[in-house]
Each structure stands twice: as structure tokens, then as C-alpha cells.
Amino acid sequence: MSATALVPVPSSSTTRPAPADLFSAEEREQVQRAKALCAACPVRAACLAGALERREPAGVWGGQLFVDGVPVAYKRGRGRPRKDAPPVAVLL
């Protein structure tokens, strides 16, 4: 059994621990949860700016989901894409 690292997540009144792997999750629900935790974070803007500067390859940074170094609206699921699937939108 391995220990799960916890990341302090600031909120308006307290700091709540969150699993560090939540911010690099694959499942859409977990990504949404990570983004929601970022919403109240006082260092959200600095986190996002740093991630953009470093071109973070993946994960949730500053409330945005990064894939291949750029923020995207959502992450495509595993497997072959549908033939009629809409393209992934890039957020700038």
C-alpha cells in the first residue's frame, strides 16, 4: 500500500488537503473536481501564469486543464475517437 501525497488547497477560510494525483487525473469527474478546488484558490492566477510559462505538459493548473503544454476545454477520452467527434478546443 502506498501513501497518497496531499496538496494544501487554500479556500476563503481554511486550507483543505487534496490528493496530489487529483490534479493529474484522467477521468472527467476528477478533472472537474480539481478545477473546482482551484476556483477559490488565492494563487490561481500565479499558478496558471507559471504553468503557461513552463508549458506544463499535463494536469490541472490554475483551474485550467493542460494537454501537451496548452490549456484545453476538455480532455479526449482514451481509445479511438469517434468519426463525428468535434475537435478539441484550445483555450488561450
Foldseek 3Di string as FASTA:
>chain_A
DDDFDWDFQDAPPDTDTDGPCLQQDQDPVSLVVVLVSLPRGPCLVVQVVVLLVVLPCAGATSSFTHHHSFGWPDDDHDDDDDPPDDDTHTDD
